[in-house]
C-alpha atoms as a PDB file:
ATOM      1  CA  MET A   1     -67.040 -18.064 -12.764  1.00  0.00           C
ATOM      2  CA  THR A   2     -68.866 -21.601 -12.366  1.00  0.00           C
ATOM      3  CA  LYS A   3     -67.598 -24.435 -10.568  1.00  0.00           C
ATOM      4  CA  THR A   4     -65.255 -26.176 -12.750  1.00  0.00           C
ATOM      5  CA  ARG A   5     -65.382 -29.966 -13.875  1.00  0.00           C
ATOM      6  CA  GLU A   6     -62.781 -31.612 -15.894  1.00  0.00           C
ATOM      7  CA  THR A   7     -59.450 -30.114 -16.933  1.00  0.00           C
ATOM      8  CA  LEU A   8     -57.685 -30.461 -20.356  1.00  0.00           C
ATOM      9  CA  GLU A   9     -54.287 -29.962 -22.164  1.00  0.00           C
ATOM     10  CA  ILE A  10     -54.915 -27.991 -25.225  1.00  0.00           C
ATOM     11  CA  PRO A  11     -52.933 -25.724 -27.756  1.00  0.00           C
ATOM     12  CA  LEU A  12     -53.857 -22.122 -27.524  1.00  0.00           C
ATOM     13  CA  PHE A  13     -54.940 -19.233 -30.295  1.00  0.00           C
ATOM     14  CA  PRO A  14     -54.780 -16.024 -29.224  1.00  0.00           C
ATOM     15  CA  LEU A  15     -56.849 -13.632 -31.570  1.00  0.00           C
ATOM     16  CA  HIS A  16     -58.524 -10.434 -31.565  1.00  0.00           C
ATOM     17  CA  ALA A  17     -61.554 -11.810 -31.417  1.00  0.00           C
ATOM     18  CA  VAL A  18     -63.959 -13.503 -29.102  1.00  0.00           C
ATOM     19  CA  LEU A  19     -65.653 -16.832 -29.236  1.00  0.00           C
ATOM     20  CA  PHE A  20     -68.770 -18.020 -27.338  1.00  0.00           C
ATOM     21  CA  PRO A  21     -70.179 -21.456 -27.074  1.00  0.00           C
ATOM     22  CA  GLY A  22     -72.530 -22.255 -29.820  1.00  0.00           C
ATOM     23  CA  GLY A  23     -70.709 -19.611 -32.265  1.00  0.00           C
ATOM     24  CA  ALA A  24     -68.474 -19.643 -35.672  1.00  0.00           C
ATOM     25  CA  LEU A  25     -65.642 -18.393 -36.332  1.00  0.00           C
ATOM     26  CA  PRO A  26     -64.074 -18.445 -39.630  1.00  0.00           C
ATOM     27  CA  LEU A  27     -59.914 -18.269 -39.594  1.00  0.00           C
ATOM     28  CA  ARG A  28     -57.010 -17.897 -42.038  1.00  0.00           C
ATOM     29  CA  ILE A  29     -54.123 -19.957 -40.828  1.00  0.00           C
ATOM     30  CA  PHE A  30     -50.745 -19.575 -42.051  1.00  0.00           C
ATOM     31  CA  GLU A  31     -48.231 -19.417 -39.830  1.00  0.00           C
ATOM     32  CA  PRO A  32     -46.264 -23.085 -39.786  1.00  0.00           C
ATOM     33  CA  ARG A  33     -47.241 -23.554 -35.597  1.00  0.00           C
ATOM     34  CA  TYR A  34     -50.820 -22.910 -36.281  1.00  0.00           C
ATOM     35  CA  LEU A  35     -51.004 -24.920 -39.434  1.00  0.00           C
ATOM     36  CA  ASP A  36     -49.179 -27.940 -37.118  1.00  0.00           C
ATOM     37  CA  MET A  37     -52.153 -26.936 -34.169  1.00  0.00           C
ATOM     38  CA  VAL A  38     -54.769 -27.577 -36.840  1.00  0.00           C
ATOM     39  CA  GLY A  39     -53.630 -29.794 -39.169  1.00  0.00           C
ATOM     40  CA  ASN A  40     -52.559 -32.452 -35.227  1.00  0.00           C
ATOM     41  CA  CYS A  41     -56.251 -31.156 -34.376  1.00  0.00           C
ATOM     42  CA  LEU A  42     -57.875 -32.625 -37.608  1.00  0.00           C
ATOM     43  CA  LYS A  43     -55.481 -36.338 -36.779  1.00  0.00           C
ATOM     44  CA  THR A  44     -56.717 -36.253 -33.446  1.00  0.00           C
ATOM     45  CA  ASP A  45     -60.475 -34.961 -33.792  1.00  0.00           C
ATOM     46  CA  SER A  46     -59.239 -32.840 -30.394  1.00  0.00           C
ATOM     47  CA  GLY A  47     -60.111 -28.797 -29.989  1.00  0.00           C
ATOM     48  CA  PHE A  48     -57.824 -25.959 -28.939  1.00  0.00           C
ATOM     49  CA  GLY A  49     -58.935 -22.896 -27.201  1.00  0.00           C
ATOM     50  CA  VAL A  50     -59.113 -19.491 -28.542  1.00  0.00           C
ATOM     51  CA  CYS A  51     -58.590 -16.298 -26.060  1.00  0.00           C
ATOM     52  CA  LEU A  52     -58.730 -12.810 -26.762  1.00  0.00           C
ATOM     53  CA  ILE A  53     -55.370 -10.865 -26.841  1.00  0.00           C
ATOM     54  CA  SER A  54     -55.078  -8.738 -23.716  1.00  0.00           C
ATOM     55  CA  GLU A  55     -51.150  -7.736 -25.258  1.00  0.00           C
ATOM     56  CA  GLY A  56     -49.775  -8.280 -28.078  1.00  0.00           C
ATOM     57  CA  LYS A  57     -50.219  -9.686 -32.024  1.00  0.00           C
ATOM     58  CA  GLU A  58     -52.113 -12.700 -33.379  1.00  0.00           C
ATOM     59  CA  THR A  59     -48.301 -13.100 -34.995  1.00  0.00           C
ATOM     60  CA  GLY A  60     -44.957 -13.039 -33.911  1.00  0.00           C
ATOM     61  CA  GLU A  61     -44.065 -14.221 -30.267  1.00  0.00           C
ATOM     62  CA  ALA A  62     -46.615 -15.608 -28.220  1.00  0.00           C
ATOM     63  CA  ALA A  63     -49.562 -12.804 -26.925  1.00  0.00           C
ATOM     64  CA  GLU A  64     -50.709 -12.134 -23.435  1.00  0.00           C
ATOM     65  CA  ILE A  65     -54.234 -13.402 -23.210  1.00  0.00           C
ATOM     66  CA  PHE A  66     -57.333 -13.149 -21.157  1.00  0.00           C
ATOM     67  CA  GLN A  67     -57.695 -16.461 -18.592  1.00  0.00           C
ATOM     68  CA  TYR A  68     -61.091 -17.204 -19.725  1.00  0.00           C
ATOM     69  CA  GLY A  69     -61.628 -18.627 -23.400  1.00  0.00           C
ATOM     70  CA  THR A  70     -63.744 -21.150 -25.601  1.00  0.00           C
ATOM     71  CA  LEU A  71     -62.404 -24.238 -26.496  1.00  0.00           C
ATOM     72  CA  ALA A  72     -63.396 -24.762 -30.472  1.00  0.00           C
ATOM     73  CA  ILE A  73     -63.599 -27.246 -32.611  1.00  0.00           C
ATOM     74  CA  ILE A  74     -62.841 -27.356 -36.155  1.00  0.00           C
ATOM     75  CA  SER A  75     -65.946 -27.465 -38.121  1.00  0.00           C
ATOM     76  CA  TYR A  76     -64.811 -26.929 -42.000  1.00  0.00           C
ATOM     77  CA  TRP A  77     -61.514 -26.328 -43.811  1.00  0.00           C
ATOM     78  CA  GLN A  78     -60.568 -25.610 -46.756  1.00  0.00           C
ATOM     79  CA  GLN A  79     -57.803 -24.405 -49.223  1.00  0.00           C
ATOM     80  CA  LEU A  80     -58.341 -20.981 -50.016  1.00  0.00           C
ATOM     81  CA  PRO A  81     -57.457 -19.340 -53.248  1.00  0.00           C
ATOM     82  CA  ASP A  82     -54.814 -17.457 -51.953  1.00  0.00           C
ATOM     83  CA  GLY A  83     -52.870 -20.564 -50.827  1.00  0.00           C
ATOM     84  CA  LEU A  84     -53.322 -20.232 -47.500  1.00  0.00           C
ATOM     85  CA  LEU A  85     -55.708 -22.368 -45.056  1.00  0.00           C
ATOM     86  CA  GLY A  86     -59.294 -21.802 -44.059  1.00  0.00           C
ATOM     87  CA  VAL A  87     -61.127 -23.075 -40.943  1.00  0.00           C
ATOM     88  CA  THR A  88     -64.195 -22.703 -39.522  1.00  0.00           C
ATOM     89  CA  VAL A  89     -64.291 -23.294 -35.483  1.00  0.00           C
ATOM     90  CA  GLN A  90     -67.707 -23.954 -33.128  1.00  0.00           C
ATOM     91  CA  GLY A  91     -67.860 -22.530 -29.892  1.00  0.00           C
ATOM     92  CA  GLN A  92     -67.893 -25.640 -27.237  1.00  0.00           C
ATOM     93  CA  GLN A  93     -67.366 -24.571 -23.807  1.00  0.00           C
ATOM     94  CA  ARG A  94     -66.080 -21.995 -21.966  1.00  0.00           C
ATOM     95  CA  PHE A  95     -62.482 -22.595 -19.954  1.00  0.00           C
ATOM     96  CA  GLN A  96     -60.069 -21.137 -17.180  1.00  0.00           C
ATOM     97  CA  ILE A  97     -56.633 -21.202 -17.848  1.00  0.00           C
ATOM     98  CA  LEU A  98     -54.509 -22.837 -14.688  1.00  0.00           C
ATOM     99  CA  ASP A  99     -51.212 -22.984 -16.545  1.00  0.00           C
ATOM    100  CA  ARG A 100     -49.880 -22.115 -19.797  1.00  0.00           C
ATOM    101  CA  GLU A 101     -46.335 -22.809 -21.244  1.00  0.00           C
ATOM    102  CA  VAL A 102     -44.648 -21.578 -24.357  1.00  0.00           C
ATOM    103  CA  GLY A 103     -42.899 -23.547 -26.808  1.00  0.00           C
ATOM    104  CA  LYS A 104     -39.699 -22.634 -28.804  1.00  0.00           C
ATOM    105  CA  ASN A 105     -42.152 -22.234 -31.756  1.00  0.00           C
ATOM    106  CA  GLN A 106     -44.298 -19.075 -29.760  1.00  0.00           C
ATOM    107  CA  LEU A 107     -47.051 -21.580 -29.445  1.00  0.00           C
ATOM    108  CA  SER A 108     -49.305 -21.668 -25.956  1.00  0.00           C
ATOM    109  CA  MET A 109     -49.882 -25.406 -24.860  1.00  0.00           C
ATOM    110  CA  ALA A 110     -52.402 -24.730 -21.562  1.00  0.00           C
ATOM    111  CA  ARG A 111     -53.698 -26.851 -18.659  1.00  0.00           C
ATOM    112  CA  VAL A 112     -57.280 -25.505 -18.439  1.00  0.00           C
ATOM    113  CA  ALA A 113     -60.395 -26.187 -16.390  1.00  0.00           C
ATOM    114  CA  LEU A 114     -63.856 -26.665 -18.478  1.00  0.00           C
ATOM    115  CA  LEU A 115     -66.843 -24.462 -16.954  1.00  0.00           C
ATOM    116  CA  GLU A 116     -70.110 -25.483 -16.325  1.00  0.00           C
ATOM    117  CA  ASN A 117     -72.010 -24.834 -19.335  1.00  0.00           C
ATOM    118  CA  GLU A 118     -74.821 -22.383 -18.458  1.00  0.00           C
ATOM    119  CA  PRO A 119     -78.349 -23.559 -17.693  1.00  0.00           C
ATOM    120  CA  VAL A 120     -81.149 -23.649 -20.588  1.00  0.00           C
ATOM    121  CA  ILE A 121     -83.379 -20.849 -19.724  1.00  0.00           C
ATOM    122  CA  LYS A 122     -86.274 -20.187 -22.227  1.00  0.00           C
ATOM    123  CA  LEU A 123     -86.023 -16.410 -23.202  1.00  0.00           C
ATOM    124  CA  PRO A 124     -88.164 -14.157 -21.581  1.00  0.00           C
ATOM    125  CA  ALA A 125     -90.979 -12.752 -23.451  1.00  0.00           C
ATOM    126  CA  ARG A 126     -89.411  -8.960 -22.471  1.00  0.00           C
ATOM    127  CA  PHE A 127     -86.430 -10.047 -24.782  1.00  0.00           C
ATOM    128  CA  GLU A 128     -88.111 -11.595 -27.725  1.00  0.00           C
ATOM    129  CA  VAL A 129     -87.033  -8.530 -29.520  1.00  0.00           C
ATOM    130  CA  LEU A 130     -83.435  -9.275 -29.233  1.00  0.00           C
ATOM    131  CA  ALA A 131     -84.032 -12.368 -30.427  1.00  0.00           C
ATOM    132  CA  ASP A 132     -85.513 -10.845 -33.837  1.00  0.00           C
ATOM    133  CA  VAL A 133     -82.226  -8.884 -33.952  1.00  0.00           C
ATOM    134  CA  VAL A 134     -80.296 -11.550 -33.570  1.00  0.00           C
ATOM    135  CA  ARG A 135     -82.074 -13.485 -36.440  1.00  0.00           C
ATOM    136  CA  GLU A 136     -81.776 -10.574 -38.517  1.00  0.00           C
ATOM    137  CA  MET A 137     -78.025  -9.896 -38.310  1.00  0.00           C
ATOM    138  CA  LEU A 138     -77.523 -13.843 -38.657  1.00  0.00           C
ATOM    139  CA  GLU A 139     -79.757 -13.695 -41.912  1.00  0.00           C
ATOM    140  CA  GLU A 140     -77.564 -11.266 -43.274  1.00  0.00           C
ATOM    141  CA  ILE A 141     -73.929 -12.371 -42.032  1.00  0.00           C
ATOM    142  CA  GLY A 142     -74.729 -16.172 -43.836  1.00  0.00           C
ATOM    143  CA  HIS A 143     -71.613 -17.851 -43.656  1.00  0.00           C
ATOM    144  CA  PRO A 144     -70.559 -19.364 -41.008  1.00  0.00           C
ATOM    145  CA  TYR A 145     -73.861 -19.559 -39.267  1.00  0.00           C
ATOM    146  CA  THR A 146     -75.450 -20.685 -42.118  1.00  0.00           C
ATOM    147  CA  THR A 147     -75.868 -24.276 -40.833  1.00  0.00           C
ATOM    148  CA  LEU A 148     -74.965 -23.673 -36.927  1.00  0.00           C
ATOM    149  CA  PRO A 149     -78.357 -24.686 -34.615  1.00  0.00           C
ATOM    150  CA  LYS A 150     -80.434 -21.831 -33.891  1.00  0.00           C
ATOM    151  CA  HIS A 151     -82.172 -21.832 -30.660  1.00  0.00           C
ATOM    152  CA  TYR A 152     -84.150 -18.433 -30.616  1.00  0.00           C
ATOM    153  CA  GLU A 153     -86.178 -19.565 -27.868  1.00  0.00           C
ATOM    154  CA  GLN A 154     -83.205 -19.915 -25.539  1.00  0.00           C
ATOM    155  CA  ALA A 155     -81.508 -17.235 -23.171  1.00  0.00           C
ATOM    156  CA  SER A 156     -78.018 -18.165 -22.924  1.00  0.00           C
ATOM    157  CA  TRP A 157     -77.564 -18.468 -26.811  1.00  0.00           C
ATOM    158  CA  VAL A 158     -80.019 -15.548 -27.982  1.00  0.00           C
ATOM    159  CA  GLY A 159     -77.393 -13.305 -25.287  1.00  0.00           C
ATOM    160  CA  SER A 160     -73.917 -15.274 -26.510  1.00  0.00           C
ATOM    161  CA  ARG A 161     -75.288 -14.526 -30.512  1.00  0.00           C
ATOM    162  CA  LEU A 162     -75.755 -10.721 -29.666  1.00  0.00           C
ATOM    163  CA  ALA A 163     -72.302 -10.103 -27.382  1.00  0.00           C
ATOM    164  CA  GLU A 164     -70.653 -11.776 -30.479  1.00  0.00           C
ATOM    165  CA  LEU A 165     -72.047  -9.803 -33.114  1.00  0.00           C
ATOM    166  CA  LEU A 166     -72.927  -6.203 -31.397  1.00  0.00           C
ATOM    167  CA  PRO A 167     -70.330  -3.572 -32.657  1.00  0.00           C
ATOM    168  CA  ILE A 168     -68.811  -3.489 -29.326  1.00  0.00           C
ATOM    169  CA  SER A 169     -65.543  -3.309 -27.409  1.00  0.00           C
ATOM    170  CA  LEU A 170     -63.231  -6.843 -27.526  1.00  0.00           C
ATOM    171  CA  VAL A 171     -63.155  -5.783 -23.612  1.00  0.00           C
ATOM    172  CA  GLN A 172     -66.862  -5.842 -23.323  1.00  0.00           C
ATOM    173  CA  LYS A 173     -67.067  -9.476 -25.258  1.00  0.00           C
ATOM    174  CA  GLN A 174     -64.768 -10.716 -22.887  1.00  0.00           C
ATOM    175  CA  TYR A 175     -66.871  -9.477 -20.218  1.00  0.00           C
ATOM    176  CA  PHE A 176     -70.046 -11.123 -21.501  1.00  0.00           C
ATOM    177  CA  LEU A 177     -68.279 -14.177 -21.804  1.00  0.00           C
ATOM    178  CA  GLN A 178     -67.533 -14.366 -18.312  1.00  0.00           C
ATOM    179  CA  LEU A 179     -70.584 -13.249 -17.244  1.00  0.00           C
ATOM    180  CA  ASP A 180     -72.123 -16.655 -15.967  1.00  0.00           C
ATOM    181  CA  ASP A 181     -76.023 -15.131 -15.764  1.00  0.00           C
ATOM    182  CA  PRO A 182     -77.713 -15.967 -19.011  1.00  0.00           C
ATOM    183  CA  LEU A 183     -80.368 -12.950 -17.783  1.00  0.00           C
ATOM    184  CA  GLU A 184     -78.232 -10.575 -16.582  1.00  0.00           C
ATOM    185  CA  ARG A 185     -76.165 -10.422 -19.684  1.00  0.00           C
ATOM    186  CA  LEU A 186     -79.369  -9.870 -21.860  1.00  0.00           C
ATOM    187  CA  GLU A 187     -80.209  -6.861 -19.654  1.00  0.00           C
ATOM    188  CA  ARG A 188     -77.198  -5.609 -20.180  1.00  0.00           C
ATOM    189  CA  LEU A 189     -76.948  -6.142 -23.850  1.00  0.00           C
ATOM    190  CA  SER A 190     -80.606  -4.667 -24.106  1.00  0.00           C
ATOM    191  CA  ALA A 191     -79.346  -1.389 -22.725  1.00  0.00           C
ATOM    192  CA  ILE A 192     -76.126  -1.078 -24.666  1.00  0.00           C
ATOM    193  CA  LEU A 193     -78.754  -1.871 -28.087  1.00  0.00           C
ATOM    194  CA  ASP A 194     -80.774   0.734 -26.807  1.00  0.00           C
ATOM    195  CA  GLU A 195     -78.415   3.457 -26.188  1.00  0.00           C
ATOM    196  CA  MET A 196     -76.941   2.296 -29.908  1.00  0.00           C
ATOM    197  CA  GLU A 197     -80.725   2.986 -31.004  1.00  0.00           C
ATOM    198  CA  GLN A 198     -81.009   6.727 -29.774  1.00  0.00           C
ATOM    199  CA  THR A 199     -77.388   7.282 -30.539  1.00  0.00           C
ATOM    200  CA  GLU A 200     -78.603   6.942 -34.042  1.00  0.00           C
ATOM    201  CA  LYS A 201     -81.889   8.978 -33.753  1.00  0.00           C
ATOM    202  CA  ASP A 202     -79.747  12.036 -32.618  1.00  0.00           C
END
């Protein structure tokens, strides 16, 4: 991974989902530990870590998680018709977990090292078709991507959105999150997309 910068103490939200920097993720909150966590984040204008579950469930006892995740901030929240709390978070920066403690309420707190943001690289012409794919997908999805800044000219942004949105396994998404090279990510995603298109033709 890239060299680290600062360290933070943050609560963790283990999920069967992978959030990338620059991405958005809608969540339904109902467990007391996460209601308290979200309330505290809103009061203190702070974030929490989204990590992919490696073993376990999103509810109940704290799950085992991958050691790399993404710092998320709450961009929107509302009371849902079913009484649950709905929040939308935006991915900010990747991190590596240095150590983690699970509280009595099963909320994980971790000391994490923030990773350097990927360099801003212009999207090479050969990958412009991937930007078109992302544009079409986002137009179909709408919320919560409607208000997110779009950077179709940036290699890292296009690759991250494609990794988020393609119907690939969560472990594959985690691999692409941990991959540091924006161009290598695009190369590998392009190959996966080609395979998918070929399968559809067959």
